[in-house]
Protein backbone atom coordinates (compact mmCIF):
# COMPACT_ATOMS: atom_id res chain seq x y z
CA UNK A 1 -17.76 34.33 110.35
CA UNK A 2 -17.69 37.92 111.50
CA UNK A 3 -21.15 39.30 112.29
CA UNK A 4 -22.81 42.61 113.14
CA UNK A 5 -26.08 42.86 115.07
CA UNK A 6 -28.33 45.78 114.09
CA UNK A 7 -31.37 46.33 116.33
CA UNK A 8 -32.75 49.43 118.03
CA UNK A 9 -33.61 47.44 121.18
CA UNK A 10 -30.60 47.02 123.49
CA UNK A 11 -32.01 43.94 125.21
CA UNK A 12 -32.67 42.28 121.87
CA UNK A 13 -29.05 42.92 120.82
CA UNK A 14 -27.69 41.54 124.08
CA UNK A 15 -29.92 38.47 123.96
CA UNK A 16 -28.85 37.61 120.41
CA UNK A 17 -25.19 38.25 121.20
CA UNK A 18 -25.49 35.92 124.18
CA UNK A 19 -26.99 33.19 122.00
CA UNK A 20 -24.26 33.63 119.40
CA UNK A 21 -21.60 33.21 122.09
CA UNK A 22 -22.61 29.54 122.16
CA UNK A 23 -21.29 29.06 118.63
CA UNK A 24 -17.58 29.08 117.75
CA UNK A 25 -18.35 29.72 114.08
CA UNK A 26 -19.52 33.30 114.68
CA UNK A 27 -17.75 36.34 116.12
CA UNK A 28 -19.85 39.43 116.85
CA UNK A 29 -17.63 42.36 115.90
CA UNK A 30 -20.14 45.20 116.39
CA UNK A 31 -23.61 46.08 117.63
CA UNK A 32 -25.62 48.96 116.14
CA UNK A 33 -28.81 50.59 117.38
CA UNK A 34 -30.01 52.17 114.12
CA UNK A 35 -29.73 51.86 110.35
CA UNK A 36 -27.30 54.75 109.83
CA UNK A 37 -24.89 53.37 112.41
CA UNK A 38 -25.32 49.94 110.81
CA UNK A 39 -24.41 51.26 107.35
CA UNK A 40 -21.30 52.94 108.75
CA UNK A 41 -20.10 49.79 110.54
CA UNK A 42 -20.82 47.48 107.60
CA UNK A 43 -18.85 49.68 105.20
CA UNK A 44 -16.00 49.97 107.71
CA UNK A 45 -15.74 46.38 108.98
CA UNK A 46 -16.99 44.36 105.98
CA UNK A 47 -18.67 41.58 108.01
CA UNK A 48 -19.59 38.20 106.56
CA UNK A 49 -23.05 38.35 108.09
CA UNK A 50 -25.50 40.81 109.63
CA UNK A 51 -28.43 40.12 111.91
CA UNK A 52 -30.84 42.89 110.97
CA UNK A 53 -34.01 44.03 112.72
CA UNK A 54 -36.74 45.20 110.33
CA UNK A 55 -38.75 47.69 112.39
CA UNK A 56 -36.45 50.52 113.53
CA UNK A 57 -36.96 54.26 114.00
CA UNK A 58 -36.00 56.26 110.92
CA UNK A 59 -34.90 53.79 108.26
CA UNK A 60 -36.19 50.25 108.53
CA UNK A 61 -34.07 47.23 107.66
CA UNK A 62 -35.21 47.13 104.03
CA UNK A 63 -34.37 50.82 103.47
CA UNK A 64 -30.96 50.29 105.07
CA UNK A 65 -30.06 47.51 102.63
CA UNK A 66 -30.84 49.78 99.67
CA UNK A 67 -28.08 52.19 100.78
CA UNK A 68 -25.29 49.63 101.16
CA UNK A 69 -22.46 49.42 98.65
CA UNK A 70 -21.18 46.27 100.37
CA UNK A 71 -23.91 43.74 101.20
CA UNK A 72 -23.02 40.75 103.40
CA UNK A 73 -25.32 37.80 104.04
CA UNK A 74 -28.47 39.04 105.78
CA UNK A 75 -30.48 37.29 108.48
CA UNK A 76 -33.56 39.33 109.38
CA UNK A 77 -34.76 39.27 113.00
CA UNK A 78 -38.24 40.49 113.85
CA UNK A 79 -41.28 39.84 116.02
CA UNK A 80 -43.64 40.09 113.03
CA UNK A 81 -43.83 37.40 110.37
CA UNK A 82 -45.70 39.53 107.83
CA UNK A 83 -42.35 40.65 106.37
CA UNK A 84 -41.13 37.13 105.59
CA UNK A 85 -41.88 37.08 101.86
CA UNK A 86 -40.49 40.58 101.33
CA UNK A 87 -37.33 39.52 103.18
CA UNK A 88 -36.69 36.78 100.63
CA UNK A 89 -37.51 39.14 97.78
CA UNK A 90 -34.40 41.12 98.79
CA UNK A 91 -32.37 37.88 98.91
CA UNK A 92 -32.12 37.54 102.67
CA UNK A 93 -30.33 34.38 103.76
CA UNK A 94 -32.84 33.66 106.52
CA UNK A 95 -35.57 35.15 108.68
CA UNK A 96 -35.73 34.57 112.45
CA UNK A 97 -38.73 35.29 114.62
CA UNK A 98 -38.24 36.91 118.03
CA UNK A 99 -37.80 35.63 120.65
CA UNK A 100 -35.11 33.72 118.78
CA UNK A 101 -34.99 30.02 119.52
CA UNK A 102 -31.44 28.70 119.87
CA UNK A 103 -32.21 25.56 117.85
CA UNK A 104 -33.60 27.67 115.01
CA UNK A 105 -30.49 29.86 115.21
CA UNK A 106 -28.28 26.76 115.07
CA UNK A 107 -30.12 25.64 111.94
CA UNK A 108 -29.34 29.00 110.30
CA UNK A 109 -25.67 28.89 111.28
CA UNK A 110 -25.33 25.29 110.09
CA UNK A 111 -26.74 26.28 106.70
CA UNK A 112 -24.25 29.17 106.51
CA UNK A 113 -21.40 26.65 106.68
CA UNK A 114 -22.64 24.76 103.63
CA UNK A 115 -21.31 25.38 100.11
CA UNK A 116 -23.60 27.73 98.19
CA UNK A 117 -24.83 24.93 95.89
CA UNK A 118 -26.07 22.88 98.85
CA UNK A 119 -28.04 25.64 100.57
CA UNK A 120 -31.79 25.16 100.32
CA UNK A 121 -34.07 28.19 100.45
CA UNK A 122 -35.42 28.90 103.93
CA UNK A 123 -38.57 30.55 102.56
CA UNK A 124 -40.60 27.33 102.65
CA UNK A 125 -40.08 26.85 106.39
CA UNK A 126 -41.14 30.44 107.07
CA UNK A 127 -44.28 30.09 105.01
CA UNK A 128 -45.19 26.92 106.89
CA UNK A 129 -45.03 28.72 110.24
CA UNK A 130 -46.69 31.96 109.19
CA UNK A 131 -50.14 31.26 110.65
CA UNK A 132 -51.10 33.63 113.46
CA UNK A 133 -52.38 32.42 116.80
CA UNK A 134 -55.42 34.19 118.32
CA UNK A 135 -53.27 35.90 120.98
CA UNK A 136 -50.75 37.38 118.54
CA UNK A 137 -50.22 41.09 118.06
CA UNK A 138 -49.97 42.32 114.48
CA UNK A 139 -48.59 45.40 112.76
CA UNK A 140 -51.12 47.40 110.74
CA UNK A 141 -50.08 50.34 108.53
CA UNK A 142 -52.32 52.69 106.56
CA UNK A 143 -50.46 55.59 104.98
CA UNK A 144 -48.50 57.36 107.73
CA UNK A 145 -50.52 55.77 110.53
CA UNK A 146 -49.35 52.59 112.26
CA UNK A 147 -50.81 50.38 114.97
CA UNK A 148 -49.80 47.28 116.91
CA UNK A 149 -53.09 45.45 117.38
CA UNK A 150 -54.00 42.29 119.23
CA UNK A 151 -55.95 39.95 116.98
CA UNK A 152 -58.48 39.52 119.78
CA UNK A 153 -59.33 43.23 119.38
CA UNK A 154 -60.07 42.91 115.66
CA UNK A 155 -63.76 42.27 115.10
CA UNK A 156 -63.91 42.15 111.33
CA UNK A 157 -61.99 42.11 108.05
CA UNK A 158 -63.81 43.55 105.02
CA UNK A 159 -62.64 43.13 101.43
CA UNK A 160 -62.49 46.31 99.31
CA UNK A 161 -61.01 45.50 95.91
CA UNK A 162 -57.29 44.79 96.33
CA UNK A 163 -57.44 46.01 99.93
CA UNK A 164 -58.87 44.81 103.22
CA UNK A 165 -60.41 47.10 105.85
CA UNK A 166 -59.50 46.13 109.42
CA UNK A 167 -61.98 46.96 112.20
CA UNK A 168 -60.62 47.51 115.74
CA UNK A 169 -61.49 50.06 118.43
CA UNK A 170 -62.70 53.09 116.45
CA UNK A 171 -60.23 52.51 113.63
CA UNK A 172 -60.85 51.16 110.12
CA UNK A 173 -57.52 51.25 108.25
CA UNK A 174 -57.04 49.76 104.79
CA UNK A 175 -54.20 47.31 104.16
CA UNK A 176 -52.93 45.99 100.83
CA UNK A 177 -53.89 42.34 101.32
CA UNK A 178 -56.41 39.92 99.89
CA UNK A 179 -59.04 38.33 102.08
CA UNK A 180 -57.90 34.91 100.83
CA UNK A 181 -54.35 35.57 102.01
CA UNK A 182 -55.58 36.64 105.45
CA UNK A 183 -57.84 33.63 105.73
CA UNK A 184 -54.85 31.31 105.22
CA UNK A 185 -52.92 32.98 108.04
CA UNK A 186 -55.66 33.45 110.63
CA UNK A 187 -56.78 30.84 113.16
CA UNK A 188 -59.89 29.25 111.64
CA UNK A 189 -61.41 28.52 115.06
CA UNK A 190 -61.50 32.24 115.83
CA UNK A 191 -61.76 34.00 112.46
CA UNK A 192 -64.51 32.72 110.18
CA UNK A 193 -65.07 33.48 106.50
CA UNK A 194 -68.68 34.66 106.52
CA UNK A 195 -68.90 35.27 102.78
CA UNK A 196 -66.77 36.55 99.90
CA UNK A 197 -66.52 39.98 101.49
CA UNK A 198 -66.06 39.39 105.22
CA UNK A 199 -64.04 37.48 107.80
CA UNK A 200 -65.50 37.84 111.29
CA UNK A 201 -64.05 37.24 114.74
CA UNK A 202 -66.41 34.65 116.25
CA UNK A 203 -65.68 35.96 119.74
CA UNK A 204 -67.26 39.29 118.74
CA UNK A 205 -70.64 37.79 117.81
CA UNK A 206 -73.36 38.92 120.22
CA UNK A 207 -76.27 37.19 118.48
CA UNK A 208 -77.17 35.18 115.39
CA UNK A 209 -80.51 34.90 113.61
CA UNK A 210 -81.85 33.08 110.57
CA UNK A 211 -81.58 35.02 107.33
CA UNK A 212 -82.61 34.73 103.70
CA UNK A 213 -81.98 31.58 101.64
CA UNK A 214 -80.79 29.53 104.60
CA UNK A 215 -78.12 31.99 105.63
CA UNK A 216 -77.52 33.64 108.98
CA UNK A 217 -77.20 37.22 110.17
CA UNK A 218 -74.45 37.75 112.74
CA UNK A 219 -74.64 40.82 114.96
CA UNK A 220 -71.31 41.89 116.44
CA UNK A 221 -70.59 43.67 119.71
CA UNK A 222 -69.61 46.82 117.80
CA UNK A 223 -73.10 46.95 116.19
CA UNK A 224 -71.86 45.72 112.82
CA UNK A 225 -74.09 43.16 111.08
CA UNK A 226 -72.68 40.58 108.68
CA UNK A 227 -74.59 38.12 106.54
CA UNK A 228 -73.23 34.58 106.61
CA UNK A 229 -73.90 32.86 103.30
CA UNK A 230 -75.93 29.65 103.18
CA UNK A 231 -72.86 27.54 102.43
CA UNK A 232 -70.80 29.14 105.20
CA UNK A 233 -73.75 29.00 107.61
CA UNK A 234 -73.87 25.23 107.18
CA UNK A 235 -70.13 25.07 107.78
CA UNK A 236 -70.43 27.22 110.90
CA UNK A 237 -73.26 25.10 112.32
CA UNK A 238 -71.27 21.94 111.72
CA UNK A 239 -68.18 23.46 113.32
CA UNK A 240 -69.86 24.97 116.37
CA UNK A 241 -72.76 22.61 117.15
CA UNK A 242 -72.70 20.30 120.19
């Protein structure tokens, strides 16, 4: 298989190329550092496969695919797993998280050798590994503004209709997510569902006091106050008590 690596980070390209050198089934025929260069090389060389970074200056990986007249098999490579489902919506063959593990890469290449009828979707495996750890950094976008934020710096998630407001530093961007979806992906030992409207970072709680109807009132280090419902208060006590 002839492959092209498209990634704006030189070290990321070199690292992936080095890993691919371990496999006789793949020949890297070009490396590109942006989407426009990638489009040019794909149209010229007609590779069997591209390894495509998602976050790049100018056009991202998704925008690049929309401009191709010839589309080879696509394996997305990225440090952020929030794009996984969108990757499969555009019929990506697979989705690899950086830093790329050689065994995971081997699994992808082995699947590429199979007849089309025998290839199982890789989406399930991505979904099963999509839970964030407390030390992860996440990408947050609100309109034209973007941030890379450590989860430890996020004190609170607040539901607002079909959106969620994210509280960190002095910022409060809105993201198009549901609180239920976030709850499934966040570490439950750090991020706690206080009620239907809020998920709080337990490490940001400065004090807790009894509240109405058996609930609790959590005061956070950023002066926000969040009511913990009676049901969730019982769950929190059971989870955190000695």
